[in-house]
Protein backbone atom coordinates (compact mmCIF):
# COMPACT_ATOMS: atom_id res chain seq x y z
CA MET A 1 -8.46 173.72 150.75
CA LYS A 2 -4.82 174.73 150.91
CA THR A 3 -4.39 172.76 154.12
CA THR A 4 -5.74 169.59 152.52
CA LYS A 5 -3.48 170.08 149.50
CA ASP A 6 -0.46 170.71 151.71
CA VAL A 7 -1.19 167.56 153.70
CA LYS A 8 -1.38 165.49 150.52
CA ILE A 9 1.89 166.95 149.27
CA GLY A 10 3.49 166.21 152.63
CA ILE A 11 2.28 162.61 152.51
CA VAL A 12 3.70 162.17 149.01
CA LEU A 13 7.06 163.65 150.02
CA PHE A 14 7.26 161.38 153.06
CA LEU A 15 6.40 158.30 150.97
CA LEU A 16 8.64 159.21 148.02
CA PRO A 17 11.99 157.93 149.42
CA ALA A 18 10.49 154.58 150.40
CA LEU A 19 8.68 154.37 147.05
CA ILE A 20 11.90 155.05 145.14
CA LEU A 21 13.73 152.37 147.11
CA PHE A 22 10.85 149.92 146.58
CA ILE A 23 10.80 150.48 142.82
CA THR A 24 14.60 150.42 142.49
CA PHE A 25 15.43 147.40 144.61
CA PHE A 26 12.24 145.31 144.41
CA LEU A 27 9.85 146.11 141.58
CA PHE A 28 12.46 146.77 138.88
CA PRO A 29 14.52 143.60 139.63
CA ILE A 30 11.37 141.46 139.51
CA CYS A 31 10.32 142.97 136.18
CA TYR A 32 13.85 142.54 134.84
CA VAL A 33 13.94 138.86 135.89
CA ALA A 34 10.51 138.27 134.32
CA VAL A 35 11.61 139.81 131.02
CA MET A 36 14.98 138.02 130.94
CA SER A 37 13.26 134.69 131.63
CA LEU A 38 12.03 134.92 128.02
CA PHE A 39 15.59 135.00 126.67
CA LYS A 40 18.36 132.47 126.24
CA TRP A 41 21.39 134.09 127.84
CA ASN A 42 24.69 132.80 129.19
CA GLY A 43 25.60 136.03 130.94
CA ILE A 44 28.32 136.94 128.42
CA SER A 45 27.09 136.98 124.84
CA GLY A 46 23.97 138.69 123.58
CA ALA A 47 20.57 137.50 124.79
CA GLU A 48 18.36 135.61 122.32
CA PHE A 49 14.58 135.86 122.64
CA ILE A 50 13.03 132.37 122.87
CA GLY A 51 9.64 133.13 124.43
CA LEU A 52 8.38 130.54 126.91
CA GLU A 53 11.00 127.95 126.03
CA ASN A 54 12.79 128.34 129.36
CA TYR A 55 9.55 127.64 131.21
CA LYS A 56 8.93 124.58 129.06
CA ASP A 57 12.42 123.29 129.88
CA ILE A 58 12.16 123.69 133.66
CA LEU A 59 8.58 122.41 133.86
CA THR A 60 9.66 119.20 132.12
CA ASP A 61 12.73 118.87 134.33
CA LYS A 62 12.16 116.29 137.08
CA VAL A 63 14.72 118.00 139.32
CA PHE A 64 12.84 121.30 139.16
CA ILE A 65 9.50 119.60 139.85
CA ARG A 66 11.00 117.85 142.87
CA SER A 67 12.52 121.15 144.01
CA ILE A 68 9.16 122.91 143.84
CA ARG A 69 7.50 120.04 145.69
CA ASN A 70 10.15 120.12 148.42
CA ASN A 71 9.71 123.87 148.83
CA VAL A 72 5.94 123.58 149.09
CA ILE A 73 6.27 120.78 151.67
CA TRP A 74 8.74 122.92 153.62
CA ALA A 75 6.44 125.97 153.51
CA LEU A 76 3.37 123.97 154.60
CA ALA A 77 5.29 122.24 157.38
CA ALA A 78 6.65 125.55 158.63
CA ALA A 79 3.20 127.18 158.63
CA GLY A 80 1.31 124.14 159.88
CA ILE A 81 3.76 122.68 162.43
CA GLN A 82 6.37 125.27 163.37
CA VAL A 83 3.93 128.13 163.99
CA PRO A 84 1.48 126.06 166.11
CA MET A 85 4.45 124.88 168.21
CA ALA A 86 5.48 128.51 168.66
CA LEU A 87 1.89 129.41 169.58
CA VAL A 88 1.79 126.77 172.32
CA MET A 89 5.06 128.02 173.79
CA ALA A 90 3.87 131.63 173.57
CA LEU A 91 0.68 130.75 175.44
CA ILE A 92 2.65 128.95 178.15
CA LEU A 93 5.36 131.59 178.60
CA SER A 94 2.87 134.49 178.49
CA LYS A 95 1.51 133.21 181.80
CA LYS A 96 4.99 133.91 183.21
CA PRO A 97 5.73 130.62 184.95
CA ARG A 98 8.94 130.25 186.93
CA GLY A 99 11.95 130.72 184.65
CA TRP A 100 9.90 132.06 181.74
CA LYS A 101 12.49 134.71 180.83
CA PHE A 102 15.19 132.04 180.67
CA PHE A 103 13.15 129.82 178.35
CA ARG A 104 12.13 132.77 176.19
CA THR A 105 15.82 133.59 175.71
CA VAL A 106 16.75 129.95 175.06
CA TYR A 107 14.09 129.53 172.39
CA PHE A 108 14.99 132.79 170.68
CA PHE A 109 18.77 132.31 170.87
CA PRO A 110 19.08 130.22 167.63
CA GLN A 111 17.65 133.17 165.69
CA VAL A 112 20.84 135.18 166.29
CA ILE A 113 23.15 132.36 165.17
CA SER A 114 24.25 131.94 161.57
CA GLY A 115 22.25 129.38 159.62
CA ILE A 116 25.51 127.80 158.43
CA ALA A 117 26.67 127.38 162.04
CA ILE A 118 23.41 125.63 162.93
CA ALA A 119 23.65 123.43 159.83
CA SER A 120 27.22 122.53 160.80
CA MET A 121 26.01 121.44 164.23
CA TRP A 122 23.26 119.26 162.76
CA SER A 123 25.73 117.81 160.29
CA ALA A 124 27.58 116.43 163.31
CA VAL A 125 24.31 115.05 164.68
CA PHE A 126 23.44 113.18 161.47
CA ASN A 127 26.98 112.08 160.55
CA SER A 128 27.04 108.39 159.65
CA GLU A 129 30.38 107.61 161.34
CA PHE A 130 30.64 109.73 164.49
CA GLY A 131 27.20 111.36 164.59
CA VAL A 132 25.37 111.90 167.86
CA LEU A 133 22.16 110.29 166.56
CA ASN A 134 23.79 107.01 165.52
CA GLY A 135 25.82 106.98 168.73
CA PHE A 136 22.65 107.37 170.80
CA LEU A 137 20.88 104.57 168.91
CA LYS A 138 23.82 102.23 169.52
CA LEU A 139 23.89 103.23 173.18
CA ILE A 140 20.27 102.20 173.76
CA GLY A 141 20.59 98.97 171.80
CA LEU A 142 19.03 100.16 168.54
CA GLY A 143 22.20 100.09 166.50
CA ASP A 144 20.38 98.34 163.65
CA LEU A 145 18.57 101.61 162.97
CA ALA A 146 21.83 103.55 162.54
CA ARG A 147 22.39 104.74 158.99
CA ASN A 148 23.78 107.51 156.83
CA TRP A 149 20.85 109.81 157.53
CA LEU A 150 21.78 112.50 155.01
CA GLY A 151 22.95 110.01 152.39
CA ASP A 152 19.87 107.80 152.41
CA PRO A 153 17.24 108.93 149.86
CA LYS A 154 14.47 107.88 152.27
CA THR A 155 15.68 109.93 155.24
CA ALA A 156 17.67 112.85 153.78
CA PHE A 157 14.80 115.29 153.19
CA PRO A 158 12.87 114.43 156.40
CA CYS A 159 16.08 115.04 158.37
CA VAL A 160 16.84 118.48 156.92
CA LEU A 161 13.16 119.42 157.22
CA LEU A 162 12.77 118.16 160.78
CA TYR A 163 15.63 120.06 162.34
CA GLY A 164 14.44 123.36 160.89
CA LEU A 165 11.00 123.01 162.48
CA PHE A 166 12.39 123.14 166.01
CA TYR A 167 13.51 126.77 165.75
CA ILE A 168 10.33 128.51 166.87
CA GLY A 169 11.70 131.46 168.87
CA TYR A 170 11.12 134.15 166.23
CA TYR A 171 7.41 133.38 165.86
CA MET A 172 7.02 132.77 169.60
CA VAL A 173 8.25 136.29 170.40
CA ILE A 174 5.91 137.86 167.83
CA MET A 175 2.90 136.09 169.32
CA MET A 176 3.98 136.84 172.90
CA ALA A 177 4.04 140.52 171.92
CA GLY A 178 0.48 140.17 170.61
CA ILE A 179 -0.65 138.45 173.81
CA THR A 180 0.91 141.21 175.92
CA GLY A 181 -1.29 143.76 174.15
CA ILE A 182 -4.56 142.06 175.17
CA ASP A 183 -6.53 143.95 177.82
CA ALA A 184 -6.45 142.10 181.18
CA GLU A 185 -10.15 142.89 181.69
CA TYR A 186 -11.08 140.14 179.22
CA TYR A 187 -9.37 137.54 181.38
CA GLU A 188 -10.79 138.95 184.62
CA ALA A 189 -14.31 138.70 183.22
CA ALA A 190 -13.63 135.16 182.00
CA ARG A 191 -12.31 134.09 185.42
CA ILE A 192 -15.42 135.53 187.10
CA ASP A 193 -17.52 133.42 184.72
CA GLY A 194 -15.54 130.34 185.74
CA ALA A 195 -13.50 129.89 182.54
CA SER A 196 -10.41 127.73 182.88
CA SER A 197 -6.99 128.78 181.64
CA LEU A 198 -7.36 126.58 178.55
CA GLN A 199 -10.79 128.03 177.78
CA GLN A 200 -9.37 131.54 178.09
CA ASP A 201 -6.62 130.67 175.61
CA ILE A 202 -9.06 129.15 173.12
CA HIS A 203 -11.85 131.75 173.33
CA ILE A 204 -9.92 134.94 174.14
CA THR A 205 -6.20 134.80 173.43
CA ILE A 206 -6.09 132.94 170.12
CA PRO A 207 -8.95 134.90 168.45
CA LEU A 208 -7.43 138.23 169.54
CA ILE A 209 -3.97 137.42 168.14
CA LYS A 210 -5.17 135.78 164.93
CA TYR A 211 -3.48 138.47 162.84
CA SER A 212 -0.20 137.81 164.62
CA ILE A 213 -0.66 134.11 163.90
CA MET A 214 -1.39 134.89 160.26
CA THR A 215 1.75 137.03 160.06
CA CYS A 216 3.84 134.23 161.56
CA MET A 217 2.39 131.67 159.16
CA THR A 218 3.10 133.95 156.22
CA LEU A 219 6.69 134.54 157.33
CA ALA A 220 7.23 130.84 158.02
CA ALA A 221 5.93 129.88 154.57
CA VAL A 222 8.09 132.52 152.87
CA PHE A 223 11.18 131.40 154.77
CA GLY A 224 10.38 127.81 153.78
CA LEU A 225 10.15 128.76 150.11
CA ARG A 226 13.50 130.55 150.10
CA THR A 227 15.41 127.84 151.99
CA PHE A 228 18.93 127.47 150.67
CA GLU A 229 21.92 127.55 153.03
CA GLN A 230 21.09 124.54 155.18
CA ILE A 231 20.35 122.39 152.12
CA PHE A 232 23.48 123.64 150.36
CA PHE A 233 25.67 122.89 153.38
CA LEU A 234 24.15 119.59 154.51
CA THR A 235 23.35 117.77 151.28
CA ASN A 236 23.86 120.11 148.30
CA GLY A 237 20.56 118.75 146.99
CA GLY A 238 21.56 115.09 147.24
CA PRO A 239 21.26 112.21 147.35
CA ALA A 240 19.88 111.93 143.80
CA ASN A 241 18.37 115.44 144.09
CA ARG A 242 15.99 114.24 146.83
CA THR A 243 16.60 117.37 148.92
CA SER A 244 16.87 119.89 146.10
CA VAL A 245 15.00 123.20 146.49
CA VAL A 246 14.27 125.90 143.94
CA VAL A 247 16.92 128.37 145.12
CA LEU A 248 19.55 125.63 144.91
CA TYR A 249 18.21 124.63 141.49
CA LEU A 250 18.50 128.16 140.09
CA TYR A 251 21.94 128.50 141.73
CA ASN A 252 23.06 125.42 139.78
CA GLN A 253 21.51 126.86 136.62
CA MET A 254 23.60 130.00 137.06
CA LYS A 255 26.72 127.88 137.59
CA LYS A 256 26.00 126.35 134.16
CA ASN A 257 25.61 129.88 132.73
CA ASP A 258 21.95 129.22 131.99
CA TYR A 259 20.69 132.57 133.20
CA GLY A 260 17.47 132.33 131.23
CA GLY A 261 16.55 129.10 133.01
CA ALA A 262 17.57 130.58 136.36
CA ASN A 263 15.34 133.61 135.76
CA ALA A 264 12.43 131.39 134.77
CA SER A 265 12.95 129.38 138.00
CA SER A 266 12.91 132.63 139.97
CA VAL A 267 9.62 133.70 138.39
CA MET A 268 8.06 130.32 139.20
CA LEU A 269 9.22 130.64 142.81
CA ILE A 270 7.67 134.12 143.03
CA ILE A 271 4.37 132.78 141.65
CA VAL A 272 4.33 129.87 144.11
CA GLY A 273 5.16 132.25 146.96
CA ALA A 274 2.32 134.58 145.98
CA LEU A 275 -0.12 131.65 145.83
CA VAL A 276 0.96 130.44 149.28
CA ILE A 277 0.55 133.91 150.81
CA VAL A 278 -2.88 134.39 149.24
CA SER A 279 -3.93 130.95 150.48
CA ILE A 280 -2.90 131.81 154.03
CA ARG A 281 -4.82 135.08 153.89
CA LYS A 282 -7.87 133.23 152.58
CA LEU A 283 -7.51 130.74 155.41
CA PHE A 284 -7.90 133.52 157.93
CA THR A 285 -10.70 135.16 155.89
CA LEU A 286 -9.53 138.70 156.55
CA LYS A 287 -12.38 141.14 156.89
CA LYS A 288 -12.42 144.82 157.56
CA ASP A 289 -13.52 145.70 161.06
């Protein structure tokens, strides 16, 4: 009996530091933001309780609605396009074709570069005057299609969304690690039965790494919901707020000293994020083994 009690005490002591950090730097800030979202506060004078007024204001603000929509589109595109692209590359490179280490490094390399540096590079690509994209279109005789890609309301958001979807290295490495952990006997048995490489991927590899895929989709959706620096650098939400996202919206609220509205925006982003994560988990219908 003493041994069981000592083990429980040991478990609690081991978990206590992490629990304290979790409460201090995650749970408490979220609760504080949720409470302060019910107040009108400019960050200097005393806070005035106004109930759900801040939520009413942002939910009737067309810029906030567009920001939420852009974030949801970004999250869905990241989970539904970026992760499948990473899965395909992981399946190919896991077979270790010639030069696979080189390509693995190349695909992962953007993950160690600052997001601002990458945004700066793409700013040069989309530049209306000396941009690589317009220069290429003129070179191949399609100069009529050249435009101010980041200044045109029709193309601004697709451009900033599209470039972000190409960076698949982070998810590719996670799924390659999952593939590496699969017992080779499964593949040997499948080859004996005459299964092709594609059939092995569909019926063995993908089902056995479905939790890795789910993790990647969750991370991709979360990263899509908290997008900020590339939008801030490339368009600052323009033109006409077509590329605005929630983090940029609440940043602008704070610049106007509307901390109550910024807190309400943060709470809405947390709720949307939780709904997206739950939806992804439901998609994979997690069951206990």
